[in-house]
Amino acid sequence: MSKFALDGFGKAISAELGHRGIEVLHVYPAYIKTDIAKNALAGTQGQTFGVDDCNIESGMTVQYAVDILIKAMYLKRNQVTIGSFFYYILPKLCFLSESFTNLVGEINNKQ
């Protein structure tokens, strides 16, 4: 839900401030190799977790993700998906699914 909220927040900012030349880039990343899991606090007196998550370990490098972000900003994109083909195609499939459902609903309502 938090990702959906951030997506909506970004779209609202784009709509409200776009006329002032403020551009918003929506970023949808897959796993990126960082120390976020290792440095996360465990529930015991502020100690760090100390272990990497296997998904993060197999993720892309920070430099690779930053290179994609810089290209997206240069090309003035309003959204970018960073990750494997699956991460790129999934949002598009969801959109098509919703569009197809709406189309079927309109056809059914006309009958």
PDB file of N, CA and C in Angstrom:
ATOM      1  N   MET A   1       0.818  -1.179   0.000  1.00  0.00           N
ATOM      2  CA  MET A   1       0.000   0.000   0.000  1.00  0.00           C
ATOM      3  C   MET A   1       0.865   1.247   0.000  1.00  0.00           C
ATOM      4  N   SER A   2       2.017   1.190   0.637  1.00  0.00           N
ATOM      5  CA  SER A   2       2.858   2.383   0.697  1.00  0.00           C
ATOM      6  C   SER A   2       3.386   2.749  -0.687  1.00  0.00           C
ATOM      7  N   LYS A   3       3.679   1.750  -1.519  1.00  0.00           N
ATOM      8  CA  LYS A   3       4.141   2.045  -2.885  1.00  0.00           C
ATOM      9  C   LYS A   3       3.030   2.690  -3.689  1.00  0.00           C
ATOM     10  N   PHE A   4       1.817   2.221  -3.521  1.00  0.00           N
ATOM     11  CA  PHE A   4       0.674   2.816  -4.212  1.00  0.00           C
ATOM     12  C   PHE A   4       0.474   4.256  -3.753  1.00  0.00           C
ATOM     13  N   ALA A   5       0.651   4.492  -2.457  1.00  0.00           N
ATOM     14  CA  ALA A   5       0.499   5.849  -1.915  1.00  0.00           C
ATOM     15  C   ALA A   5       1.570   6.778  -2.483  1.00  0.00           C
ATOM     16  N   LEU A   6       2.805   6.305  -2.561  1.00  0.00           N
ATOM     17  CA  LEU A   6       3.869   7.129  -3.133  1.00  0.00           C
ATOM     18  C   LEU A   6       3.625   7.404  -4.612  1.00  0.00           C
ATOM     19  N   ASP A   7       3.099   6.417  -5.318  1.00  0.00           N
ATOM     20  CA  ASP A   7       2.774   6.609  -6.728  1.00  0.00           C
ATOM     21  C   ASP A   7       1.719   7.708  -6.873  1.00  0.00           C
ATOM     22  N   GLY A   8       0.674   7.640  -6.087  1.00  0.00           N
ATOM     23  CA  GLY A   8      -0.372   8.659  -6.131  1.00  0.00           C
ATOM     24  C   GLY A   8       0.143  10.026  -5.714  1.00  0.00           C
ATOM     25  N   PHE A   9       1.005  10.063  -4.699  1.00  0.00           N
ATOM     26  CA  PHE A   9       1.591  11.319  -4.243  1.00  0.00           C
ATOM     27  C   PHE A   9       2.422  11.961  -5.348  1.00  0.00           C
ATOM     28  N   GLY A  10       3.230  11.146  -6.026  1.00  0.00           N
ATOM     29  CA  GLY A  10       4.049  11.657  -7.129  1.00  0.00           C
ATOM     30  C   GLY A  10       3.210  12.192  -8.270  1.00  0.00           C
ATOM     31  N   LYS A  11       2.136  11.501  -8.585  1.00  0.00           N
ATOM     32  CA  LYS A  11       1.243  11.964  -9.656  1.00  0.00           C
ATOM     33  C   LYS A  11       0.541  13.257  -9.259  1.00  0.00           C
ATOM     34  N   ALA A  12       0.177  13.373  -7.993  1.00  0.00           N
ATOM     35  CA  ALA A  12      -0.455  14.609  -7.519  1.00  0.00           C
ATOM     36  C   ALA A  12       0.523  15.777  -7.593  1.00  0.00           C
ATOM     37  N   ILE A  13       1.767  15.559  -7.197  1.00  0.00           N
ATOM     38  CA  ILE A  13       2.775  16.617  -7.281  1.00  0.00           C
ATOM     39  C   ILE A  13       2.983  17.030  -8.735  1.00  0.00           C
ATOM     40  N   SER A  14       3.053  16.041  -9.629  1.00  0.00           N
ATOM     41  CA  SER A  14       3.228  16.340 -11.052  1.00  0.00           C
ATOM     42  C   SER A  14       2.100  17.218 -11.564  1.00  0.00           C
ATOM     43  N   ALA A  15       0.879  16.879 -11.194  1.00  0.00           N
ATOM     44  CA  ALA A  15      -0.283  17.637 -11.663  1.00  0.00           C
ATOM     45  C   ALA A  15      -0.313  19.043 -11.077  1.00  0.00           C
ATOM     46  N   GLU A  16       0.035  19.174  -9.811  1.00  0.00           N
ATOM     47  CA  GLU A  16      -0.060  20.474  -9.145  1.00  0.00           C
ATOM     48  C   GLU A  16       1.105  21.406  -9.452  1.00  0.00           C
ATOM     49  N   LEU A  17       2.291  20.858  -9.708  1.00  0.00           N
ATOM     50  CA  LEU A  17       3.467  21.702  -9.875  1.00  0.00           C
ATOM     51  C   LEU A  17       4.091  21.654 -11.258  1.00  0.00           C
ATOM     52  N   GLY A  18       3.519  20.861 -12.143  1.00  0.00           N
ATOM     53  CA  GLY A  18       4.059  20.744 -13.494  1.00  0.00           C
ATOM     54  C   GLY A  18       4.123  22.076 -14.223  1.00  0.00           C
ATOM     55  N   HIS A  19       3.125  22.931 -14.007  1.00  0.00           N
ATOM     56  CA  HIS A  19       3.101  24.225 -14.689  1.00  0.00           C
ATOM     57  C   HIS A  19       4.232  25.149 -14.232  1.00  0.00           C
ATOM     58  N   ARG A  20       4.877  24.819 -13.125  1.00  0.00           N
ATOM     59  CA  ARG A  20       6.021  25.592 -12.631  1.00  0.00           C
ATOM     60  C   ARG A  20       7.352  25.011 -13.097  1.00  0.00           C
ATOM     61  N   GLY A  21       7.286  24.009 -13.958  1.00  0.00           N
ATOM     62  CA  GLY A  21       8.507  23.401 -14.475  1.00  0.00           C
ATOM     63  C   GLY A  21       9.095  22.328 -13.579  1.00  0.00           C
ATOM     64  N   ILE A  22       8.362  21.939 -12.552  1.00  0.00           N
ATOM     65  CA  ILE A  22       8.837  20.883 -11.651  1.00  0.00           C
ATOM     66  C   ILE A  22       8.422  19.541 -12.226  1.00  0.00           C
ATOM     67  N   GLU A  23       9.416  18.700 -12.450  1.00  0.00           N
ATOM     68  CA  GLU A  23       9.163  17.383 -13.031  1.00  0.00           C
ATOM     69  C   GLU A  23       9.369  16.309 -11.970  1.00  0.00           C
ATOM     70  N   VAL A  24       8.559  15.268 -12.036  1.00  0.00           N
ATOM     71  CA  VAL A  24       8.639  14.163 -11.083  1.00  0.00           C
ATOM     72  C   VAL A  24       8.935  12.889 -11.855  1.00  0.00           C
ATOM     73  N   LEU A  25       9.902  12.139 -11.380  1.00  0.00           N
ATOM     74  CA  LEU A  25      10.242  10.856 -11.978  1.00  0.00           C
ATOM     75  C   LEU A  25       9.802   9.757 -11.022  1.00  0.00           C
ATOM     76  N   HIS A  26       8.862   8.937 -11.458  1.00  0.00           N
ATOM     77  CA  HIS A  26       8.413   7.789 -10.657  1.00  0.00           C
ATOM     78  C   HIS A  26       9.386   6.641 -10.936  1.00  0.00           C
ATOM     79  N   VAL A  27       9.968   6.109  -9.884  1.00  0.00           N
ATOM     80  CA  VAL A  27      10.952   5.038 -10.013  1.00  0.00           C
ATOM     81  C   VAL A  27      10.386   3.775  -9.389  1.00  0.00           C
ATOM     82  N   TYR A  28      10.394   2.703 -10.158  1.00  0.00           N
ATOM     83  CA  TYR A  28       9.903   1.406  -9.695  1.00  0.00           C
ATOM     84  C   TYR A  28      11.078   0.426  -9.756  1.00  0.00           C
ATOM     85  N   PRO A  29      11.845   0.320  -8.670  1.00  0.00           N
ATOM     86  CA  PRO A  29      13.036  -0.531  -8.710  1.00  0.00           C
ATOM     87  C   PRO A  29      12.772  -1.962  -8.269  1.00  0.00           C
ATOM     88  N   ALA A  30      13.587  -2.845  -8.820  1.00  0.00           N
ATOM     89  CA  ALA A  30      13.640  -4.216  -8.318  1.00  0.00           C
ATOM     90  C   ALA A  30      14.674  -4.217  -7.183  1.00  0.00           C
ATOM     91  N   TYR A  31      15.256  -5.347  -6.888  1.00  0.00           N
ATOM     92  CA  TYR A  31      16.233  -5.422  -5.802  1.00  0.00           C
ATOM     93  C   TYR A  31      17.559  -4.804  -6.224  1.00  0.00           C
ATOM     94  N   ILE A  32      18.125  -4.026  -5.306  1.00  0.00           N
ATOM     95  CA  ILE A  32      19.399  -3.358  -5.544  1.00  0.00           C
ATOM     96  C   ILE A  32      20.343  -3.726  -4.406  1.00  0.00           C
ATOM     97  N   LYS A  33      21.585  -4.054  -4.764  1.00  0.00           N
ATOM     98  CA  LYS A  33      22.573  -4.477  -3.771  1.00  0.00           C
ATOM     99  C   LYS A  33      22.951  -3.299  -2.871  1.00  0.00           C
ATOM    100  N   THR A  34      22.383  -3.288  -1.690  1.00  0.00           N
ATOM    101  CA  THR A  34      22.721  -2.298  -0.671  1.00  0.00           C
ATOM    102  C   THR A  34      22.890  -3.030   0.648  1.00  0.00           C
ATOM    103  N   ASP A  35      23.271  -2.305   1.662  1.00  0.00           N
ATOM    104  CA  ASP A  35      23.431  -2.898   3.000  1.00  0.00           C
ATOM    105  C   ASP A  35      22.212  -2.635   3.875  1.00  0.00           C
ATOM    106  N   ILE A  36      21.072  -2.363   3.273  1.00  0.00           N
ATOM    107  CA  ILE A  36      19.890  -1.985   4.051  1.00  0.00           C
ATOM    108  C   ILE A  36      19.457  -3.101   5.007  1.00  0.00           C
ATOM    109  N   ALA A  37      19.466  -4.347   4.550  1.00  0.00           N
ATOM    110  CA  ALA A  37      19.056  -5.448   5.428  1.00  0.00           C
ATOM    111  C   ALA A  37      20.108  -5.697   6.500  1.00  0.00           C
ATOM    112  N   LYS A  38      21.365  -5.635   6.097  1.00  0.00           N
ATOM    113  CA  LYS A  38      22.460  -5.883   7.038  1.00  0.00           C
ATOM    114  C   LYS A  38      22.488  -4.825   8.146  1.00  0.00           C
ATOM    115  N   ASN A  39      22.169  -3.588   7.795  1.00  0.00           N
ATOM    116  CA  ASN A  39      22.223  -2.487   8.758  1.00  0.00           C
ATOM    117  C   ASN A  39      20.899  -2.246   9.486  1.00  0.00           C
ATOM    118  N   ALA A  40      19.867  -2.987   9.112  1.00  0.00           N
ATOM    119  CA  ALA A  40      18.570  -2.819   9.776  1.00  0.00           C
ATOM    120  C   ALA A  40      18.700  -3.189  11.244  1.00  0.00           C
ATOM    121  N   LEU A  41      17.969  -2.484  12.059  1.00  0.00           N
ATOM    122  CA  LEU A  41      18.034  -2.764  13.488  1.00  0.00           C
ATOM    123  C   LEU A  41      17.211  -4.000  13.834  1.00  0.00           C
ATOM    124  N   ALA A  42      17.820  -4.875  14.592  1.00  0.00           N
ATOM    125  CA  ALA A  42      17.108  -6.043  15.114  1.00  0.00           C
ATOM    126  C   ALA A  42      16.352  -5.598  16.359  1.00  0.00           C
ATOM    127  N   GLY A  43      15.502  -6.428  16.854  1.00  0.00           N
ATOM    128  CA  GLY A  43      14.687  -6.060  18.000  1.00  0.00           C
ATOM    129  C   GLY A  43      15.405  -6.104  19.334  1.00  0.00           C
ATOM    130  N   THR A  44      16.720  -6.327  19.333  1.00  0.00           N
ATOM    131  CA  THR A  44      17.437  -6.469  20.596  1.00  0.00           C
ATOM    132  C   THR A  44      18.391  -5.304  20.824  1.00  0.00           C
ATOM    133  N   GLN A  45      17.998  -4.366  21.630  1.00  0.00           N
ATOM    134  CA  GLN A  45      18.814  -3.268  22.117  1.00  0.00           C
ATOM    135  C   GLN A  45      19.629  -2.558  21.039  1.00  0.00           C
ATOM    136  N   GLY A  46      19.004  -2.281  19.913  1.00  0.00           N
ATOM    137  CA  GLY A  46      19.644  -1.482  18.878  1.00  0.00           C
ATOM    138  C   GLY A  46      20.741  -2.163  18.093  1.00  0.00           C
ATOM    139  N   GLN A  47      20.852  -3.482  18.197  1.00  0.00           N
ATOM    140  CA  GLN A  47      21.866  -4.187  17.421  1.00  0.00           C
ATOM    141  C   GLN A  47      21.404  -4.319  15.974  1.00  0.00           C
ATOM    142  N   THR A  48      22.365  -4.323  15.056  1.00  0.00           N
ATOM    143  CA  THR A  48      22.010  -4.481  13.648  1.00  0.00           C
ATOM    144  C   THR A  48      21.745  -5.948  13.338  1.00  0.00           C
ATOM    145  N   PHE A  49      20.951  -6.152  12.305  1.00  0.00           N
ATOM    146  CA  PHE A  49      20.568  -7.499  11.874  1.00  0.00           C
ATOM    147  C   PHE A  49      21.794  -8.276  11.417  1.00  0.00           C
ATOM    148  N   GLY A  50      22.662  -7.626  10.633  1.00  0.00           N
ATOM    149  CA  GLY A  50      23.951  -8.202  10.269  1.00  0.00           C
ATOM    150  C   GLY A  50      23.959  -9.211   9.146  1.00  0.00           C
ATOM    151  N   VAL A  51      22.817  -9.465   8.505  1.00  0.00           N
ATOM    152  CA  VAL A  51      22.746 -10.469   7.444  1.00  0.00           C
ATOM    153  C   VAL A  51      22.080  -9.847   6.222  1.00  0.00           C
ATOM    154  N   ASP A  52      22.618 -10.156   5.037  1.00  0.00           N
ATOM    155  CA  ASP A  52      22.008  -9.684   3.796  1.00  0.00           C
ATOM    156  C   ASP A  52      20.810 -10.539   3.425  1.00  0.00           C
ATOM    157  N   ASP A  53      19.850  -9.925   2.834  1.00  0.00           N
ATOM    158  CA  ASP A  53      18.686 -10.620   2.286  1.00  0.00           C
ATOM    159  C   ASP A  53      19.110 -11.252   0.966  1.00  0.00           C
ATOM    160  N   CYS A  54      18.694 -12.490   0.690  1.00  0.00           N
ATOM    161  CA  CYS A  54      19.128 -13.174  -0.533  1.00  0.00           C
ATOM    162  C   CYS A  54      18.638 -12.462  -1.798  1.00  0.00           C
ATOM    163  N   ASN A  55      17.469 -11.823  -1.740  1.00  0.00           N
ATOM    164  CA  ASN A  55      16.988 -11.077  -2.905  1.00  0.00           C
ATOM    165  C   ASN A  55      17.860  -9.860  -3.177  1.00  0.00           C
ATOM    166  N   ILE A  56      18.262  -9.184  -2.124  1.00  0.00           N
ATOM    167  CA  ILE A  56      19.119  -8.011  -2.280  1.00  0.00           C
ATOM    168  C   ILE A  56      20.497  -8.435  -2.788  1.00  0.00           C
ATOM    169  N   GLU A  57      21.003  -9.532  -2.276  1.00  0.00           N
ATOM    170  CA  GLU A  57      22.306 -10.040  -2.720  1.00  0.00           C
ATOM    171  C   GLU A  57      22.323 -10.305  -4.219  1.00  0.00           C
ATOM    172  N   SER A  58      21.223 -10.781  -4.768  1.00  0.00           N
ATOM    173  CA  SER A  58      21.179 -11.102  -6.192  1.00  0.00           C
ATOM    174  C   SER A  58      20.709  -9.917  -7.044  1.00  0.00           C
ATOM    175  N   GLY A  59      20.506  -8.768  -6.422  1.00  0.00           N
ATOM    176  CA  GLY A  59      20.031  -7.595  -7.139  1.00  0.00           C
ATOM    177  C   GLY A  59      21.104  -6.921  -7.971  1.00  0.00           C
ATOM    178  N   MET A  60      20.696  -5.844  -8.620  1.00  0.00           N
ATOM    179  CA  MET A  60      21.627  -5.084  -9.456  1.00  0.00           C
ATOM    180  C   MET A  60      22.474  -4.161  -8.587  1.00  0.00           C
ATOM    181  N   THR A  61      23.572  -3.686  -9.152  1.00  0.00           N
ATOM    182  CA  THR A  61      24.434  -2.789  -8.398  1.00  0.00           C
ATOM    183  C   THR A  61      23.803  -1.401  -8.320  1.00  0.00           C
ATOM    184  N   VAL A  62      24.210  -0.657  -7.325  1.00  0.00           N
ATOM    185  CA  VAL A  62      23.729   0.712  -7.167  1.00  0.00           C
ATOM    186  C   VAL A  62      24.115   1.534  -8.393  1.00  0.00           C
ATOM    187  N   GLN A  63      25.345   1.361  -8.871  1.00  0.00           N
ATOM    188  CA  GLN A  63      25.813   2.139 -10.034  1.00  0.00           C
ATOM    189  C   GLN A  63      24.943   1.884 -11.258  1.00  0.00           C
ATOM    190  N   TYR A  64      24.563   0.638 -11.492  1.00  0.00           N
ATOM    191  CA  TYR A  64      23.699   0.309 -12.634  1.00  0.00           C
ATOM    192  C   TYR A  64      22.350   1.024 -12.504  1.00  0.00           C
ATOM    193  N   ALA A  65      21.771   0.996 -11.301  1.00  0.00           N
ATOM    194  CA  ALA A  65      20.484   1.651 -11.076  1.00  0.00           C
ATOM    195  C   ALA A  65      20.603   3.162 -11.268  1.00  0.00           C
ATOM    196  N   VAL A  66      21.676   3.750 -10.755  1.00  0.00           N
ATOM    197  CA  VAL A  66      21.879   5.197 -10.900  1.00  0.00           C
ATOM    198  C   VAL A  66      22.047   5.572 -12.362  1.00  0.00           C
ATOM    199  N   ASP A  67      22.774   4.767 -13.126  1.00  0.00           N
ATOM    200  CA  ASP A  67      22.945   5.044 -14.561  1.00  0.00           C
ATOM    201  C   ASP A  67      21.593   5.096 -15.273  1.00  0.00           C
ATOM    202  N   ILE A  68      20.703   4.172 -14.933  1.00  0.00           N
ATOM    203  CA  ILE A  68      19.369   4.157 -15.536  1.00  0.00           C
ATOM    204  C   ILE A  68      18.579   5.398 -15.118  1.00  0.00           C
ATOM    205  N   LEU A  69      18.679   5.778 -13.851  1.00  0.00           N
ATOM    206  CA  LEU A  69      17.974   6.968 -13.368  1.00  0.00           C
ATOM    207  C   LEU A  69      18.452   8.227 -14.078  1.00  0.00           C
ATOM    208  N   ILE A  70      19.759   8.362 -14.250  1.00  0.00           N
ATOM    209  CA  ILE A  70      20.308   9.541 -14.924  1.00  0.00           C
ATOM    210  C   ILE A  70      19.819   9.599 -16.363  1.00  0.00           C
ATOM    211  N   LYS A  71      19.813   8.466 -17.048  1.00  0.00           N
ATOM    212  CA  LYS A  71      19.301   8.429 -18.428  1.00  0.00           C
ATOM    213  C   LYS A  71      17.830   8.819 -18.476  1.00  0.00           C
ATOM    214  N   ALA A  72      17.042   8.311 -17.535  1.00  0.00           N
ATOM    215  CA  ALA A  72      15.613   8.623 -17.496  1.00  0.00           C
ATOM    216  C   ALA A  72      15.386  10.118 -17.259  1.00  0.00           C
ATOM    217  N   MET A  73      16.182  10.724 -16.372  1.00  0.00           N
ATOM    218  CA  MET A  73      16.052  12.162 -16.125  1.00  0.00           C
ATOM    219  C   MET A  73      16.459  12.954 -17.356  1.00  0.00           C
ATOM    220  N   TYR A  74      17.545  12.545 -18.013  1.00  0.00           N
ATOM    221  CA  TYR A  74      18.015  13.229 -19.218  1.00  0.00           C
ATOM    222  C   TYR A  74      16.965  13.173 -20.324  1.00  0.00           C
ATOM    223  N   LEU A  75      16.307  12.034 -20.447  1.00  0.00           N
ATOM    224  CA  LEU A  75      15.277  11.855 -21.476  1.00  0.00           C
ATOM    225  C   LEU A  75      13.919  12.419 -21.056  1.00  0.00           C
ATOM    226  N   LYS A  76      13.876  13.005 -19.849  1.00  0.00           N
ATOM    227  CA  LYS A  76      12.662  13.616 -19.303  1.00  0.00           C
ATOM    228  C   LYS A  76      11.487  12.636 -19.232  1.00  0.00           C
ATOM    229  N   ARG A  77      11.790  11.425 -18.801  1.00  0.00           N
ATOM    230  CA  ARG A  77      10.747  10.420 -18.587  1.00  0.00           C
ATOM    231  C   ARG A  77       9.966  10.778 -17.331  1.00  0.00           C
ATOM    232  N   ASN A  78       8.731  10.316 -17.260  1.00  0.00           N
ATOM    233  CA  ASN A  78       7.979  10.546 -16.022  1.00  0.00           C
ATOM    234  C   ASN A  78       7.932   9.287 -15.158  1.00  0.00           C
ATOM    235  N   GLN A  79       8.378   8.149 -15.714  1.00  0.00           N
ATOM    236  CA  GLN A  79       8.494   6.943 -14.891  1.00  0.00           C
ATOM    237  C   GLN A  79       9.529   6.016 -15.490  1.00  0.00           C
ATOM    238  N   VAL A  80      10.130   5.223 -14.619  1.00  0.00           N
ATOM    239  CA  VAL A  80      11.122   4.248 -15.061  1.00  0.00           C
ATOM    240  C   VAL A  80      11.034   3.027 -14.151  1.00  0.00           C
ATOM    241  N   THR A  81      11.076   1.864 -14.767  1.00  0.00           N
ATOM    242  CA  THR A  81      11.116   0.603 -14.037  1.00  0.00           C
ATOM    243  C   THR A  81      12.522   0.051 -14.176  1.00  0.00           C
ATOM    244  N   ILE A  82      13.154  -0.235 -13.053  1.00  0.00           N
ATOM    245  CA  ILE A  82      14.529  -0.737 -13.062  1.00  0.00           C
ATOM    246  C   ILE A  82      14.499  -2.172 -12.586  1.00  0.00           C
ATOM    247  N   GLY A  83      14.913  -3.066 -13.441  1.00  0.00           N
ATOM    248  CA  GLY A  83      14.944  -4.470 -13.039  1.00  0.00           C
ATOM    249  C   GLY A  83      14.894  -5.377 -14.249  1.00  0.00           C
ATOM    250  N   SER A  84      14.609  -6.621 -13.984  1.00  0.00           N
ATOM    251  CA  SER A  84      14.542  -7.614 -15.045  1.00  0.00           C
ATOM    252  C   SER A  84      13.306  -7.371 -15.916  1.00  0.00           C
ATOM    253  N   PHE A  85      13.191  -8.128 -16.968  1.00  0.00           N
ATOM    254  CA  PHE A  85      12.054  -8.018 -17.882  1.00  0.00           C
ATOM    255  C   PHE A  85      10.741  -8.169 -17.126  1.00  0.00           C
ATOM    256  N   PHE A  86      10.698  -9.060 -16.147  1.00  0.00           N
ATOM    257  CA  PHE A  86       9.493  -9.287 -15.356  1.00  0.00           C
ATOM    258  C   PHE A  86       9.034  -7.993 -14.678  1.00  0.00           C
ATOM    259  N   TYR A  87       9.974  -7.265 -14.076  1.00  0.00           N
ATOM    260  CA  TYR A  87       9.622  -6.027 -13.379  1.00  0.00           C
ATOM    261  C   TYR A  87       9.165  -4.946 -14.354  1.00  0.00           C
ATOM    262  N   TYR A  88       9.660  -5.011 -15.573  1.00  0.00           N
ATOM    263  CA  TYR A  88       9.279  -4.032 -16.579  1.00  0.00           C
ATOM    264  C   TYR A  88       7.890  -4.326 -17.149  1.00  0.00           C
ATOM    265  N   ILE A  89       7.611  -5.586 -17.408  1.00  0.00           N
ATOM    266  CA  ILE A  89       6.376  -5.962 -18.102  1.00  0.00           C
ATOM    267  C   ILE A  89       5.177  -6.073 -17.159  1.00  0.00           C
ATOM    268  N   LEU A  90       5.387  -6.388 -15.891  1.00  0.00           N
ATOM    269  CA  LEU A  90       4.281  -6.604 -14.963  1.00  0.00           C
ATOM    270  C   LEU A  90       3.332  -5.403 -14.858  1.00  0.00           C
ATOM    271  N   PRO A  91       3.830  -4.161 -14.660  1.00  0.00           N
ATOM    272  CA  PRO A  91       2.889  -3.039 -14.590  1.00  0.00           C
ATOM    273  C   PRO A  91       2.079  -2.864 -15.874  1.00  0.00           C
ATOM    274  N   LYS A  92       2.695  -3.149 -17.012  1.00  0.00           N
ATOM    275  CA  LYS A  92       1.990  -3.029 -18.281  1.00  0.00           C
ATOM    276  C   LYS A  92       0.897  -4.096 -18.407  1.00  0.00           C
ATOM    277  N   LEU A  93       1.186  -5.301 -17.917  1.00  0.00           N
ATOM    278  CA  LEU A  93       0.175  -6.358 -17.933  1.00  0.00           C
ATOM    279  C   LEU A  93      -0.996  -6.010 -17.022  1.00  0.00           C
ATOM    280  N   CYS A  94      -0.686  -5.403 -15.881  1.00  0.00           N
ATOM    281  CA  CYS A  94      -1.753  -4.987 -14.967  1.00  0.00           C
ATOM    282  C   CYS A  94      -2.627  -3.936 -15.624  1.00  0.00           C
ATOM    283  N   PHE A  95      -2.012  -2.995 -16.333  1.00  0.00           N
ATOM    284  CA  PHE A  95      -2.773  -1.966 -17.037  1.00  0.00           C
ATOM    285  C   PHE A  95      -3.652  -2.603 -18.107  1.00  0.00           C
ATOM    286  N   LEU A  96      -3.088  -3.538 -18.881  1.00  0.00           N
ATOM    287  CA  LEU A  96      -3.863  -4.205 -19.927  1.00  0.00           C
ATOM    288  C   LEU A  96      -5.015  -4.997 -19.330  1.00  0.00           C
ATOM    289  N   SER A  97      -4.755  -5.639 -18.194  1.00  0.00           N
ATOM    290  CA  SER A  97      -5.800  -6.409 -17.531  1.00  0.00           C
ATOM    291  C   SER A  97      -6.957  -5.504 -17.138  1.00  0.00           C
ATOM    292  N   GLU A  98      -6.644  -4.347 -16.557  1.00  0.00           N
ATOM    293  CA  GLU A  98      -7.688  -3.400 -16.160  1.00  0.00           C
ATOM    294  C   GLU A  98      -8.422  -2.867 -17.392  1.00  0.00           C
ATOM    295  N   SER A  99      -7.673  -2.561 -18.446  1.00  0.00           N
ATOM    296  CA  SER A  99      -8.282  -2.054 -19.674  1.00  0.00           C
ATOM    297  C   SER A  99      -9.204  -3.095 -20.297  1.00  0.00           C
ATOM    298  N   PHE A 100      -8.740  -4.346 -20.310  1.00  0.00           N
ATOM    299  CA  PHE A 100      -9.544  -5.422 -20.872  1.00  0.00           C
ATOM    300  C   PHE A 100     -10.818  -5.620 -20.050  1.00  0.00           C
ATOM    301  N   THR A 101     -10.686  -5.588 -18.736  1.00  0.00           N
ATOM    302  CA  THR A 101     -11.850  -5.738 -17.853  1.00  0.00           C
ATOM    303  C   THR A 101     -12.852  -4.613 -18.097  1.00  0.00           C
ATOM    304  N   ASN A 102     -12.359  -3.386 -18.237  1.00  0.00           N
ATOM    305  CA  ASN A 102     -13.243  -2.248 -18.504  1.00  0.00           C
ATOM    306  C   ASN A 102     -13.951  -2.401 -19.847  1.00  0.00           C
ATOM    307  N   LEU A 103     -13.221  -2.860 -20.853  1.00  0.00           N
ATOM    308  CA  LEU A 103     -13.803  -3.048 -22.180  1.00  0.00           C
ATOM    309  C   LEU A 103     -14.910  -4.096 -22.140  1.00  0.00           C
ATOM    310  N   VAL A 104     -14.657  -5.213 -21.486  1.00  0.00           N
ATOM    311  CA  VAL A 104     -15.647  -6.269 -21.365  1.00  0.00           C
ATOM    312  C   VAL A 104     -16.875  -5.738 -20.609  1.00  0.00           C
ATOM    313  N   GLY A 105     -16.653  -4.958 -19.565  1.00  0.00           N
ATOM    314  CA  GLY A 105     -17.764  -4.385 -18.811  1.00  0.00           C
ATOM    315  C   GLY A 105     -18.608  -3.449 -19.660  1.00  0.00           C
ATOM    316  N   GLU A 106     -17.952  -2.639 -20.494  1.00  0.00           N
ATOM    317  CA  GLU A 106     -18.701  -1.742 -21.376  1.00  0.00           C
ATOM    318  C   GLU A 106     -19.518  -2.535 -22.391  1.00  0.00           C
ATOM    319  N   ILE A 107     -18.947  -3.578 -22.949  1.00  0.00           N
ATOM    320  CA  ILE A 107     -19.669  -4.405 -23.925  1.00  0.00           C
ATOM    321  C   ILE A 107     -20.869  -5.057 -23.270  1.00  0.00           C
ATOM    322  N   ASN A 108     -20.686  -5.590 -22.066  1.00  0.00           N
ATOM    323  CA  ASN A 108     -21.793  -6.241 -21.346  1.00  0.00           C
ATOM    324  C   ASN A 108     -22.892  -5.250 -21.001  1.00  0.00           C
ATOM    325  N   ASN A 109     -22.531  -4.029 -20.648  1.00  0.00           N
ATOM    326  CA  ASN A 109     -23.526  -3.029 -20.280  1.00  0.00           C
ATOM    327  C   ASN A 109     -24.336  -2.533 -21.469  1.00  0.00           C
ATOM    328  N   LYS A 110     -23.787  -2.655 -22.685  1.00  0.00           N
ATOM    329  CA  LYS A 110     -24.506  -2.214 -23.875  1.00  0.00           C
ATOM    330  C   LYS A 110     -25.536  -3.250 -24.335  1.00  0.00           C
ATOM    331  N   GLN A 111     -25.429  -4.464 -23.869  1.00  0.00           N
ATOM    332  CA  GLN A 111     -26.327  -5.516 -24.321  1.00  0.00           C
ATOM    333  C   GLN A 111     -27.611  -5.545 -23.511  1.00  0.00           C
TER     334      GLN A 111
END
